[in-house]
Amino acid sequence: MWMIRKLNGSIRHGHLRGTAQLRPPASDPSIVRSQRPWTCGGGTEGHLRHAHCLAGAARRSATSLLRHGLPAVFALTTLGAPVCALAHCNAGEIALGRALFRDKNLSIDRTTACSSCHKPSYALADDRPVSVGVYHRTGTRNAPTLIDVGQYKFFFWDGHANSLRAQAVFPFLARNEMGFSSKAQVIARVLENPAYRAAFRRLRPAAGVPVRFGEIAQVLAAYERSLRPAPNPLDRYLADDRAALSLAARRGLRLFRGKAQCARCHLITAHAAPLTDNAFHTSPVGVGVPGEQVGPLAEEAAHFSVRKRFLLVESDAPLAALGRYLVTLNPKDIGKFRTPSLKDVALTAPYMHNGSIPTLAQAIDVELYYRGLKLGYPIILSTRNRQDLIAFLRGLSAPLRKMPASIGLRCQRGLRTGALRAVTVDVGNADSGDGHEALP
């Protein structure tokens, strides 16, 4: 079952013409009652019986709100036994997104898939300093892990995407990655596959409407949101399983929180460890551009269009080294990059935004040296301290969560039978509407 959840308190019943109140049938125990009425634009009073009907109403209403510049207030939320542990996807979308993620045909020369750079054996990161795309073209940045990527606020090293849907499809239009020159090319390549055509027909509530670029983004994002790790030793330790971390790892945790000061950016709370602050900081490997060239380069970049800046980033290493500045054009952001999560960090070498640090031990030394420069005094760790810190960091790895068998079966059947018909919509932010506004 599904419900329309009210997100924006600025809209009340009666403020929008044509709204009606939907309430669940009292006899249905799978419905969790909301303390406020559920608003469904253009609907009539009735019961929440069919997910695909409700999803269609939500999509139409949300799209109308966005077109008229009004606050968008709708999101679909799973109730009862969910299709997966996530609020914004279903098993059919995950299955289709997984297929697209692994399909090399979805690049201009049919040689590169998303999984070519986000490799399962490296925690969905790349073992090369920078990724290699179509026609053996190399990029300028290291491909980070996608583990728990649904928890991020910003995407890419410079944060130029603020939604998972936008992040999922930028590579299609990147010359050195998938190499397509337009959204239309991407759509045409996807629709070459009859299985994909059939899957989109089953997942979309409006038959006969052409597949849109934002819908390709939606299913890829659904798959990427599903990439959740099982609890790692640190998670279990914070949940009062004191045996989860070895003695050396516990000493490393104390160093991480204390003397080494890693937790200033890689956050650990009393009961959770996101291991990132979702903020941007000056990279310890520096800009990599001679100081006298930084100013002129930044000034030149400021005159480029947004699209040109992001197209050049993938091939122009000096420009890419400007980091967050390319998004904000604030000189204070020159050389700043997003704090990566340290989940599975032992598996994701090489390190830093440009892949310039080959080992975990070297990454620790670089970080400590840079931290000492900022503090005004060196952070000195003994050999044993370093070994303990590495033991702790190795304890941040865990396999991906396995889908329950029943859900896995639905994933396998979803593309064939059309049994999974509900399409979720999340509006009210950049990850909204048909996806076009937030995408490149």
Protein backbone atom coordinates (compact mmCIF):
# COMPACT_ATOMS: atom_id res chain seq x y z
CA MET A 1 0.00 0.00 0.00
CA TRP A 2 1.03 3.58 -0.56
CA MET A 3 0.14 6.95 0.79
CA ILE A 4 0.63 10.52 -0.26
CA ARG A 5 2.69 12.13 2.45
CA LYS A 6 2.32 15.83 3.05
CA LEU A 7 5.75 17.48 2.92
CA ASN A 8 5.16 21.20 2.96
CA GLY A 9 3.18 22.71 5.82
CA SER A 10 2.57 25.88 3.84
CA ILE A 11 -0.30 24.26 1.94
CA ARG A 12 -3.47 23.49 3.84
CA HIS A 13 -6.81 22.08 2.75
CA GLY A 14 -8.66 24.65 0.67
CA HIS A 15 -5.59 26.68 -0.35
CA LEU A 16 -5.42 24.88 -3.67
CA ARG A 17 -8.58 24.73 -5.76
CA GLY A 18 -9.64 21.22 -6.64
CA THR A 19 -7.94 19.42 -3.77
CA ALA A 20 -9.77 16.72 -1.87
CA GLN A 21 -9.08 14.77 1.29
CA LEU A 22 -8.22 11.09 1.05
CA ARG A 23 -8.50 8.95 4.17
CA PRO A 24 -7.64 5.26 4.55
CA PRO A 25 -10.31 2.66 5.19
CA ALA A 26 -10.49 2.03 8.93
CA SER A 27 -10.60 -1.71 8.33
CA ASP A 28 -7.21 -1.85 6.64
CA PRO A 29 -4.57 -2.63 9.33
CA SER A 30 -1.64 -2.15 6.94
CA ILE A 31 -2.26 1.58 6.79
CA VAL A 32 -0.47 3.78 9.28
CA ARG A 33 -2.78 6.70 9.89
CA SER A 34 -1.42 10.19 9.38
CA GLN A 35 -2.28 12.81 11.98
CA ARG A 36 -3.11 15.16 9.12
CA PRO A 37 -5.33 14.56 6.11
CA TRP A 38 -3.71 13.35 2.93
CA THR A 39 -4.03 15.78 0.07
CA CYS A 40 -4.27 14.50 -3.50
CA GLY A 41 -4.60 17.15 -6.20
CA GLY A 42 -7.45 16.50 -8.56
CA GLY A 43 -8.65 13.44 -6.65
CA THR A 44 -11.95 12.50 -5.02
CA GLU A 45 -12.68 11.00 -1.66
CA GLY A 46 -12.05 7.33 -1.60
CA HIS A 47 -9.87 4.53 -0.37
CA LEU A 48 -6.19 4.00 -1.13
CA ARG A 49 -6.57 0.69 -2.92
CA HIS A 50 -4.34 0.63 -5.98
CA ALA A 51 -0.75 1.89 -6.00
CA HIS A 52 -0.60 2.55 -9.72
CA CYS A 53 -3.74 4.72 -9.70
CA LEU A 54 -2.46 6.76 -6.78
CA ALA A 55 0.99 7.12 -8.32
CA GLY A 56 -0.55 8.49 -11.51
CA ALA A 57 -2.60 11.05 -9.57
CA ALA A 58 0.47 12.12 -7.62
CA ARG A 59 2.55 12.54 -10.75
CA ARG A 60 -0.09 14.65 -12.50
CA SER A 61 -0.69 16.82 -9.47
CA ALA A 62 3.00 17.33 -8.73
CA THR A 63 3.76 18.23 -12.34
CA SER A 64 0.92 20.76 -12.32
CA LEU A 65 2.22 22.37 -9.15
CA LEU A 66 5.72 22.66 -10.54
CA ARG A 67 4.50 24.21 -13.80
CA HIS A 68 2.55 26.87 -11.92
CA GLY A 69 5.44 27.68 -9.63
CA LEU A 70 3.67 26.45 -6.50
CA PRO A 71 5.34 24.41 -3.74
CA ALA A 72 5.41 20.73 -4.60
CA VAL A 73 4.22 18.70 -1.65
CA PHE A 74 3.88 15.11 -2.72
CA ALA A 75 6.04 12.04 -2.15
CA LEU A 76 5.18 8.40 -2.24
CA THR A 77 6.04 6.44 0.87
CA THR A 78 5.85 2.70 1.30
CA LEU A 79 3.68 1.30 4.08
CA GLY A 80 3.28 -2.13 5.60
CA ALA A 81 5.67 -4.66 4.07
CA PRO A 82 7.76 -2.49 1.74
CA VAL A 83 9.10 -3.63 -1.60
CA CYS A 84 12.54 -2.68 -0.30
CA ALA A 85 13.93 -0.82 2.68
CA LEU A 86 13.81 2.46 0.77
CA ALA A 87 11.06 5.03 0.49
CA HIS A 88 11.64 6.14 -3.09
CA CYS A 89 11.93 3.00 -5.18
CA ASN A 90 10.43 -0.38 -5.84
CA ALA A 91 11.86 -3.71 -6.85
CA GLY A 92 10.93 -3.28 -10.52
CA GLU A 93 12.83 0.00 -10.72
CA ILE A 94 15.83 -1.51 -8.94
CA ALA A 95 15.91 -4.45 -11.33
CA LEU A 96 15.72 -2.24 -14.42
CA GLY A 97 18.26 0.22 -13.00
CA ARG A 98 20.66 -2.65 -12.27
CA ALA A 99 20.38 -3.85 -15.87
CA LEU A 100 21.07 -0.36 -17.25
CA PHE A 101 23.97 0.11 -14.83
CA ARG A 102 25.72 -2.99 -16.19
CA ASP A 103 24.97 -2.56 -19.89
CA LYS A 104 27.98 -1.56 -22.02
CA ASN A 105 25.66 -0.94 -24.97
CA LEU A 106 24.61 2.27 -23.22
CA SER A 107 27.79 4.06 -24.29
CA ILE A 108 28.46 5.57 -27.70
CA ASP A 109 30.97 2.85 -28.72
CA ARG A 110 29.28 0.07 -26.68
CA THR A 111 32.38 -0.56 -24.55
CA THR A 112 31.65 1.19 -21.26
CA ALA A 113 29.00 0.69 -18.58
CA CYS A 114 28.54 2.41 -15.24
CA SER A 115 29.97 -0.76 -13.70
CA SER A 116 33.14 -0.37 -15.78
CA CYS A 117 34.26 2.36 -13.37
CA HIS A 118 32.20 1.42 -10.31
CA LYS A 119 33.47 -2.13 -9.87
CA PRO A 120 31.89 -4.52 -7.36
CA SER A 121 35.29 -5.95 -6.37
CA TYR A 122 36.44 -2.47 -5.34
CA ALA A 123 33.35 -1.50 -3.35
CA LEU A 124 31.83 0.07 -6.47
CA ALA A 125 34.83 2.36 -6.92
CA ASP A 126 37.63 2.30 -9.51
CA ASP A 127 41.08 0.82 -8.93
CA ARG A 128 42.58 3.21 -11.51
CA PRO A 129 43.69 6.73 -10.56
CA VAL A 130 41.24 8.21 -13.07
CA SER A 131 38.55 6.41 -15.01
CA VAL A 132 38.78 5.33 -18.64
CA GLY A 133 35.72 5.76 -20.82
CA VAL A 134 34.75 5.39 -24.46
CA TYR A 135 37.49 5.23 -27.09
CA HIS A 136 39.97 4.80 -24.20
CA ARG A 137 39.59 8.44 -23.19
CA THR A 138 40.75 9.20 -19.66
CA GLY A 139 39.08 11.54 -17.20
CA THR A 140 40.56 13.82 -14.56
CA ARG A 141 39.07 12.41 -11.35
CA ASN A 142 38.94 9.13 -9.50
CA ALA A 143 35.57 7.34 -9.48
CA PRO A 144 34.40 7.20 -5.83
CA THR A 145 32.47 4.38 -4.25
CA LEU A 146 28.70 4.24 -4.67
CA ILE A 147 28.20 2.41 -1.38
CA ASP A 148 25.47 4.25 0.58
CA VAL A 149 25.41 6.96 -2.10
CA GLY A 150 21.73 7.58 -1.38
CA GLN A 151 22.72 9.21 1.92
CA TYR A 152 24.76 11.99 0.29
CA LYS A 153 23.62 15.60 -0.07
CA PHE A 154 25.94 16.39 -2.97
CA PHE A 155 27.35 14.23 -5.76
CA PHE A 156 30.63 14.20 -7.66
CA TRP A 157 33.81 15.51 -6.10
CA ASP A 158 32.84 19.14 -6.67
CA GLY A 159 29.15 18.65 -5.83
CA HIS A 160 27.87 19.79 -9.21
CA ALA A 161 24.86 17.47 -8.90
CA ASN A 162 22.51 17.92 -5.95
CA SER A 163 20.31 14.92 -6.62
CA LEU A 164 20.98 11.24 -7.11
CA ARG A 165 18.96 11.27 -10.33
CA ALA A 166 21.15 13.98 -11.83
CA GLN A 167 24.30 12.15 -10.74
CA ALA A 168 23.10 8.93 -12.32
CA VAL A 169 22.88 10.33 -15.85
CA PHE A 170 25.64 12.97 -16.09
CA PRO A 171 28.09 10.28 -17.33
CA PHE A 172 25.90 9.55 -20.37
CA LEU A 173 26.62 13.04 -21.71
CA ALA A 174 30.26 13.18 -20.66
CA ARG A 175 32.60 12.98 -23.66
CA ASN A 176 35.23 10.93 -21.81
CA GLU A 177 32.76 8.60 -20.11
CA MET A 178 29.76 7.33 -22.09
CA GLY A 179 30.19 9.82 -24.90
CA PHE A 180 26.62 10.61 -26.04
CA SER A 181 26.03 14.11 -27.38
CA SER A 182 22.33 14.44 -26.49
CA LYS A 183 19.58 13.03 -24.31
CA ALA A 184 17.78 11.86 -27.43
CA GLN A 185 20.73 9.64 -28.30
CA VAL A 186 20.64 8.04 -24.86
CA ILE A 187 16.90 7.41 -25.04
CA ALA A 188 17.22 5.89 -28.53
CA ARG A 189 19.98 3.54 -27.40
CA VAL A 190 17.99 2.40 -24.38
CA LEU A 191 14.92 1.76 -26.51
CA GLU A 192 16.91 -0.38 -28.94
CA ASN A 193 16.51 -3.15 -26.38
CA PRO A 194 12.98 -4.63 -26.51
CA ALA A 195 13.27 -5.84 -22.90
CA TYR A 196 13.92 -2.26 -21.76
CA ARG A 197 10.97 -0.98 -23.79
CA ALA A 198 8.69 -3.55 -22.18
CA ALA A 199 10.04 -2.83 -18.69
CA PHE A 200 9.44 0.92 -18.99
CA ARG A 201 5.90 0.29 -20.24
CA ARG A 202 5.18 -1.81 -17.16
CA LEU A 203 6.72 0.62 -14.71
CA ARG A 204 5.16 3.79 -16.06
CA PRO A 205 1.54 4.69 -15.28
CA ALA A 206 0.79 6.51 -18.57
CA ALA A 207 0.85 4.11 -21.54
CA GLY A 208 1.84 5.49 -24.91
CA VAL A 209 3.97 8.37 -23.59
CA PRO A 210 7.57 8.24 -24.86
CA VAL A 211 10.26 7.35 -22.33
CA ARG A 212 11.88 10.48 -20.96
CA PHE A 213 15.46 11.06 -19.91
CA GLY A 214 14.35 11.72 -16.35
CA GLU A 215 12.74 8.28 -16.17
CA ILE A 216 16.02 6.62 -17.14
CA ALA A 217 17.56 8.66 -14.35
CA GLN A 218 14.87 7.51 -11.94
CA VAL A 219 15.48 3.79 -12.36
CA LEU A 220 19.27 4.20 -12.18
CA ALA A 221 18.86 6.24 -9.01
CA ALA A 222 16.55 3.57 -7.57
CA TYR A 223 19.25 0.95 -8.10
CA GLU A 224 21.96 3.18 -6.63
CA ARG A 225 19.81 3.90 -3.57
CA SER A 226 19.62 0.16 -3.00
CA LEU A 227 23.41 -0.08 -2.61
CA ARG A 228 23.27 -0.13 1.17
CA PRO A 229 25.96 -1.90 3.16
CA ALA A 230 25.31 -4.38 5.91
CA PRO A 231 26.43 -3.14 9.36
CA ASN A 232 30.22 -3.02 9.47
CA PRO A 233 32.23 -3.73 12.64
CA LEU A 234 32.10 -0.06 13.67
CA ASP A 235 28.30 0.01 13.27
CA ARG A 236 27.99 -3.07 15.46
CA TYR A 237 30.40 -1.60 18.01
CA LEU A 238 28.32 1.59 18.26
CA ALA A 239 25.28 -0.64 18.78
CA ASP A 240 26.95 -2.01 21.94
CA ASP A 241 28.57 -5.08 20.39
CA ARG A 242 31.93 -4.45 22.04
CA ALA A 243 33.46 -7.56 20.49
CA ALA A 244 32.88 -6.23 16.95
CA LEU A 245 36.17 -4.30 16.93
CA SER A 246 39.52 -5.83 17.77
CA LEU A 247 41.66 -4.28 20.48
CA ALA A 248 43.87 -2.64 17.83
CA ALA A 249 40.81 -1.28 16.01
CA ARG A 250 39.44 0.18 19.26
CA ARG A 251 42.75 1.94 19.83
CA GLY A 252 42.51 3.17 16.22
CA LEU A 253 39.00 4.50 16.88
CA ARG A 254 40.32 6.53 19.82
CA LEU A 255 43.04 7.97 17.58
CA PHE A 256 40.51 8.65 14.82
CA ARG A 257 38.31 10.63 17.20
CA GLY A 258 41.13 12.15 19.17
CA LYS A 259 44.77 12.79 18.36
CA ALA A 260 44.54 12.21 14.60
CA GLN A 261 41.39 14.41 14.41
CA CYS A 262 39.97 12.47 11.45
CA ALA A 263 36.44 12.67 12.88
CA ARG A 264 36.36 16.43 12.37
CA CYS A 265 35.34 15.74 8.77
CA HIS A 266 34.58 12.01 8.81
CA LEU A 267 31.82 12.16 11.40
CA ILE A 268 31.08 9.53 14.03
CA THR A 269 28.25 10.18 16.47
CA ALA A 270 27.38 8.23 19.60
CA HIS A 271 25.19 5.78 17.69
CA ALA A 272 25.95 6.21 13.98
CA ALA A 273 28.90 6.63 11.66
CA PRO A 274 28.16 8.44 8.38
CA LEU A 275 31.93 9.00 8.09
CA THR A 276 31.42 12.19 6.11
CA ASP A 277 30.24 15.69 6.94
CA ASN A 278 28.85 16.19 3.40
CA ALA A 279 30.90 19.37 3.21
CA PHE A 280 33.75 20.63 1.05
CA HIS A 281 37.34 21.04 2.20
CA THR A 282 40.65 21.98 0.65
CA SER A 283 42.32 18.87 -0.67
CA PRO A 284 45.55 17.79 1.05
CA VAL A 285 47.10 17.03 -2.34
CA GLY A 286 46.71 20.67 -3.34
CA VAL A 287 45.43 22.26 -6.51
CA GLY A 288 48.25 20.86 -8.61
CA VAL A 289 48.54 24.09 -10.58
CA PRO A 290 51.38 26.61 -10.17
CA GLY A 291 50.24 29.43 -7.91
CA GLU A 292 50.66 32.14 -10.52
CA GLN A 293 48.31 30.28 -12.87
CA VAL A 294 45.44 29.74 -10.44
CA GLY A 295 44.04 33.28 -10.65
CA PRO A 296 43.97 33.53 -14.46
CA LEU A 297 42.56 30.00 -14.72
CA ALA A 298 39.78 30.77 -12.23
CA GLU A 299 38.97 34.04 -14.01
CA GLU A 300 38.76 32.25 -17.36
CA ALA A 301 36.49 29.53 -15.91
CA ALA A 302 34.13 32.17 -14.51
CA HIS A 303 33.33 33.31 -18.06
CA PHE A 304 32.37 29.83 -19.23
CA SER A 305 28.78 28.66 -19.23
CA VAL A 306 27.84 26.10 -16.58
CA ARG A 307 27.59 23.42 -19.24
CA LYS A 308 31.01 24.24 -20.69
CA ARG A 309 32.67 24.17 -17.26
CA PHE A 310 31.36 20.69 -16.54
CA LEU A 311 32.21 19.42 -20.02
CA LEU A 312 35.79 20.67 -19.65
CA VAL A 313 36.21 19.20 -16.16
CA GLU A 314 36.42 15.67 -17.53
CA SER A 315 39.36 16.43 -19.85
CA ASP A 316 41.11 19.52 -18.47
CA ALA A 317 43.02 18.49 -15.34
CA PRO A 318 44.11 22.04 -14.30
CA LEU A 319 40.50 23.23 -14.57
CA ALA A 320 39.20 20.17 -12.68
CA ALA A 321 41.66 20.94 -9.88
CA LEU A 322 39.69 24.12 -9.08
CA GLY A 323 37.11 21.85 -7.42
CA ARG A 324 34.04 23.35 -5.82
CA TYR A 325 34.86 26.77 -7.29
CA LEU A 326 33.54 25.54 -10.65
CA VAL A 327 30.09 25.25 -9.06
CA THR A 328 29.98 28.33 -6.84
CA LEU A 329 32.52 30.66 -8.53
CA ASN A 330 33.48 31.69 -5.01
CA PRO A 331 37.29 32.12 -4.79
CA LYS A 332 37.19 30.64 -1.28
CA ASP A 333 36.14 27.33 -2.85
CA ILE A 334 39.18 26.96 -5.10
CA GLY A 335 40.69 23.53 -4.52
CA LYS A 336 37.86 22.29 -2.28
CA PHE A 337 36.32 18.86 -2.75
CA ARG A 338 33.55 16.87 -1.10
CA THR A 339 34.50 14.85 1.97
CA PRO A 340 34.22 11.22 0.85
CA SER A 341 32.69 8.66 3.15
CA LEU A 342 35.21 6.19 4.54
CA LYS A 343 32.87 3.21 4.29
CA ASP A 344 34.81 0.36 2.64
CA VAL A 345 37.81 2.68 2.45
CA ALA A 346 40.28 -0.22 2.56
CA LEU A 347 38.84 -1.46 -0.76
CA THR A 348 38.73 1.81 -2.69
CA ALA A 349 42.38 2.65 -3.41
CA PRO A 350 43.76 4.81 -4.95
CA TYR A 351 42.70 7.84 -2.92
CA MET A 352 41.94 11.57 -3.27
CA HIS A 353 39.91 13.23 -6.00
CA ASN A 354 42.63 12.63 -8.58
CA GLY A 355 43.63 9.14 -7.46
CA SER A 356 47.16 10.34 -6.72
CA ILE A 357 47.66 8.45 -3.43
CA PRO A 358 48.05 4.71 -4.09
CA THR A 359 47.78 3.17 -0.62
CA LEU A 360 45.82 3.62 2.59
CA ALA A 361 48.99 4.08 4.65
CA GLN A 362 50.16 6.87 2.34
CA ALA A 363 46.74 8.51 2.47
CA ILE A 364 46.95 8.58 6.27
CA ASP A 365 50.39 10.21 6.14
CA VAL A 366 49.21 12.88 3.68
CA GLU A 367 46.10 13.66 5.72
CA LEU A 368 48.05 13.90 8.99
CA TYR A 369 50.66 16.16 7.44
CA TYR A 370 48.03 18.49 6.02
CA ARG A 371 46.05 18.50 9.26
CA GLY A 372 49.21 19.45 11.12
CA LEU A 373 49.79 22.39 8.77
CA LYS A 374 46.30 23.70 9.50
CA LEU A 375 46.73 23.27 13.25
CA GLY A 376 50.16 24.86 13.30
CA TYR A 377 51.87 21.84 14.84
CA PRO A 378 52.66 18.33 13.58
CA ILE A 379 50.49 15.33 14.45
CA ILE A 380 53.02 12.68 15.34
CA LEU A 381 51.90 9.05 15.40
CA SER A 382 54.10 6.12 16.23
CA THR A 383 54.36 3.06 14.01
CA ARG A 384 51.96 1.27 16.34
CA ASN A 385 49.54 4.21 16.21
CA ARG A 386 49.49 4.02 12.43
CA GLN A 387 48.93 0.27 12.51
CA ASP A 388 46.03 0.75 14.91
CA LEU A 389 44.50 3.43 12.72
CA ILE A 390 44.74 1.16 9.68
CA ALA A 391 43.18 -1.69 11.67
CA PHE A 392 40.27 0.59 12.50
CA LEU A 393 39.84 1.73 8.89
CA ARG A 394 39.83 -1.87 7.70
CA GLY A 395 36.93 -2.41 10.08
CA LEU A 396 34.78 0.00 8.06
CA SER A 397 34.13 -2.59 5.35
CA ALA A 398 31.00 -4.71 4.98
CA PRO A 399 29.25 -6.52 2.13
CA LEU A 400 26.20 -5.02 0.48
CA ARG A 401 22.91 -5.88 2.10
CA LYS A 402 21.23 -8.83 0.48
CA MET A 403 17.67 -8.44 -0.65
CA PRO A 404 15.22 -10.80 1.05
CA ALA A 405 14.54 -13.84 -1.14
CA SER A 406 10.95 -12.78 -1.79
CA ILE A 407 12.08 -9.36 -2.99
CA GLY A 408 14.82 -10.85 -5.15
CA LEU A 409 12.22 -13.06 -6.81
CA ARG A 410 10.03 -10.02 -7.49
CA CYS A 411 13.06 -8.27 -9.00
CA GLN A 412 13.59 -11.21 -11.35
CA ARG A 413 9.93 -11.36 -12.32
CA GLY A 414 9.30 -7.62 -12.37
CA LEU A 415 10.77 -7.02 -15.81
CA ARG A 416 8.86 -9.97 -17.31
CA THR A 417 5.42 -10.05 -15.78
CA GLY A 418 4.50 -6.42 -15.24
CA ALA A 419 3.45 -7.26 -11.69
CA LEU A 420 5.33 -4.24 -10.33
CA ARG A 421 3.43 -1.33 -11.81
CA ALA A 422 3.76 1.44 -9.22
CA VAL A 423 6.09 4.27 -10.15
CA THR A 424 7.28 6.47 -7.32
CA VAL A 425 7.57 10.23 -7.51
CA ASP A 426 9.65 12.41 -5.23
CA VAL A 427 9.02 16.10 -5.81
CA GLY A 428 9.71 19.32 -4.00
CA ASN A 429 13.48 19.39 -4.59
CA ALA A 430 15.96 19.14 -7.43
CA ASP A 431 15.14 15.44 -7.77
CA SER A 432 11.65 16.19 -8.99
CA GLY A 433 9.12 16.35 -11.77
CA ASP A 434 10.15 14.56 -14.91
CA GLY A 435 13.79 14.96 -14.05
CA HIS A 436 14.67 17.37 -16.85
CA GLU A 437 15.19 20.46 -14.71
CA ALA A 438 17.83 18.86 -12.51
CA LEU A 439 19.65 16.95 -15.23
CA PRO A 440 22.46 18.10 -17.50
